Protein backbone atom coordinates (compact mmCIF):
# COMPACT_ATOMS: atom_id res chain seq x y z
CA MET A 1 19.32 -7.63 39.51
CA ASN A 2 19.10 -7.39 35.71
CA ILE A 3 21.50 -10.31 35.21
CA LEU A 4 19.47 -12.52 37.53
CA GLN A 5 16.25 -11.60 35.76
CA TYR A 6 17.88 -12.24 32.39
CA ILE A 7 18.98 -15.72 33.47
CA ILE A 8 15.56 -16.51 34.94
CA ASN A 9 13.89 -15.60 31.65
CA GLN A 10 16.08 -17.93 29.60
CA PRO A 11 14.83 -21.31 28.37
CA ARG A 12 15.52 -24.35 30.47
CA ILE A 13 18.34 -25.65 28.21
CA VAL A 14 20.29 -22.40 28.57
CA LYS A 15 19.98 -22.47 32.35
CA ARG A 16 21.07 -26.10 32.38
CA LEU A 17 24.13 -25.31 30.24
CA ILE A 18 25.05 -22.47 32.58
CA VAL A 19 24.89 -24.88 35.51
CA VAL A 20 27.01 -27.49 33.69
CA PHE A 21 29.70 -24.96 32.76
CA LEU A 22 29.79 -23.57 36.29
CA ASP A 23 30.05 -27.10 37.70
CA ILE A 24 32.94 -27.89 35.35
CA PHE A 25 34.67 -24.68 36.42
CA ILE A 26 34.18 -25.59 40.09
CA SER A 27 35.53 -29.09 39.36
CA ILE A 28 38.71 -27.62 37.86
CA ILE A 29 39.16 -25.22 40.79
CA SER A 30 38.60 -28.09 43.25
CA THR A 31 41.18 -30.27 41.50
CA TRP A 32 43.68 -27.41 41.51
CA THR A 33 43.02 -26.78 45.22
CA ALA A 34 43.45 -30.49 46.03
CA LEU A 35 46.78 -30.57 44.18
CA SER A 36 47.93 -27.43 45.98
CA ILE A 37 47.05 -28.94 49.36
CA ARG A 38 48.74 -32.22 48.47
CA TYR A 39 51.99 -30.54 47.44
CA ASN A 40 51.85 -28.05 50.35
CA GLU A 41 52.30 -25.13 47.97
CA ILE A 42 50.26 -23.37 45.34
CA TYR A 43 50.28 -25.63 42.30
CA PHE A 44 51.63 -23.91 39.18
CA LEU A 45 53.10 -25.13 35.93
CA ASN A 46 56.86 -25.39 36.11
CA ASN A 47 58.90 -23.55 33.50
CA TYR A 48 61.26 -26.44 32.77
CA ASP A 49 60.09 -29.21 30.46
CA LEU A 50 56.81 -27.38 29.96
CA ASP A 51 55.38 -29.75 27.35
CA LEU A 52 55.45 -32.73 29.69
CA PHE A 53 53.82 -30.77 32.52
CA ILE A 54 51.11 -29.33 30.29
CA LEU A 55 50.26 -32.82 29.02
CA ARG A 56 50.15 -34.22 32.55
CA ASP A 57 48.05 -31.31 33.83
CA LEU A 58 45.61 -31.61 30.95
CA GLN A 59 45.24 -35.30 31.72
CA ILE A 60 44.57 -34.59 35.41
CA PHE A 61 41.99 -31.89 34.78
CA SER A 62 40.36 -33.78 31.90
CA LEU A 63 40.04 -36.86 34.07
CA SER A 64 38.41 -34.84 36.84
CA ILE A 65 35.85 -33.48 34.36
CA ILE A 66 35.23 -36.92 32.82
CA ILE A 67 34.57 -38.40 36.26
CA PHE A 68 32.57 -35.39 37.41
CA ILE A 69 29.99 -35.17 34.62
CA PRO A 70 28.53 -38.72 34.77
CA ILE A 71 28.26 -38.56 38.56
CA PHE A 72 26.27 -35.34 38.65
CA TYR A 73 24.36 -35.53 35.34
């Protein structure tokens, strides 16, 4: 209960930032889950040609965050 009380006693801006970061985290998890469902397997980075996959994955997750923030804030 100490953590909850600590968060409640924080200023409004801190609580709002906590909510934004948690929402971004949930957005990333949701995007990952959607990709896993679409590909019918758990979505991981492939070991071959890693640079291309990292760039593509960063674009996908960045786009989900860019779309997510204006809709909810």
